[in-house]
């Protein structure tokens, strides 16, 4: 077992970055476009962007 990455006994709470709500406000369209573009570029490279909330 690698000491830097210990085995987990409980599955962490993962969320896809592309599903995160960004709230409301005048910058939301730009933030959504940036998030969507980043997620699309990463997925095209075989990476799934996630956020671990635990």
Protein backbone atom coordinates (compact mmCIF):
# COMPACT_ATOMS: atom_id res chain seq x y z
CA UNK A 1 0.00 0.00 0.00
CA UNK A 2 1.26 3.46 -0.90
CA UNK A 3 1.52 5.70 2.19
CA UNK A 4 0.63 8.79 0.14
CA UNK A 5 -2.62 7.26 -1.09
CA UNK A 6 -4.08 5.11 1.72
CA UNK A 7 -6.94 2.76 0.97
CA UNK A 8 -10.36 4.31 1.55
CA UNK A 9 -12.98 2.51 3.57
CA UNK A 10 -15.77 4.97 2.71
CA UNK A 11 -16.52 6.15 -0.82
CA UNK A 12 -16.16 9.94 -1.01
CA UNK A 13 -18.94 12.12 -2.37
CA UNK A 14 -18.03 12.92 -5.97
CA UNK A 15 -19.83 15.38 -8.26
CA UNK A 16 -19.22 16.00 -11.93
CA UNK A 17 -17.92 19.54 -12.41
CA UNK A 18 -20.26 20.03 -15.36
CA UNK A 19 -23.29 19.57 -13.06
CA UNK A 20 -22.29 22.15 -10.44
CA UNK A 21 -24.78 24.99 -10.02
CA UNK A 22 -23.14 28.39 -10.38
CA UNK A 23 -25.87 30.51 -8.84
CA UNK A 24 -27.18 33.74 -10.28
CA UNK A 25 -25.72 37.02 -11.38
CA UNK A 26 -24.42 38.89 -14.40
CA UNK A 27 -21.29 36.72 -14.77
CA UNK A 28 -23.09 33.39 -14.77
CA UNK A 29 -23.33 33.04 -18.59
CA UNK A 30 -19.56 33.60 -18.89
CA UNK A 31 -18.79 31.22 -16.01
CA UNK A 32 -21.06 28.54 -17.48
CA UNK A 33 -19.41 28.91 -20.90
CA UNK A 34 -15.93 28.64 -19.35
CA UNK A 35 -16.93 25.60 -17.24
CA UNK A 36 -18.53 23.88 -20.21
CA UNK A 37 -15.53 24.56 -22.47
CA UNK A 38 -13.10 23.25 -19.84
CA UNK A 39 -15.16 20.11 -19.25
CA UNK A 40 -15.49 19.45 -22.99
CA UNK A 41 -11.73 19.82 -23.54
CA UNK A 42 -10.91 17.51 -20.62
CA UNK A 43 -13.45 14.86 -21.65
CA UNK A 44 -12.03 14.95 -25.20
CA UNK A 45 -8.65 14.05 -23.63
CA UNK A 46 -10.15 11.20 -21.64
CA UNK A 47 -10.32 13.04 -18.29
CA UNK A 48 -13.49 13.31 -16.23
CA UNK A 49 -13.42 16.50 -14.12
CA UNK A 50 -14.93 15.82 -10.69
CA UNK A 51 -15.17 17.60 -7.36
CA UNK A 52 -14.84 15.60 -4.15
CA UNK A 53 -16.98 17.25 -1.48
CA UNK A 54 -15.71 15.18 1.45
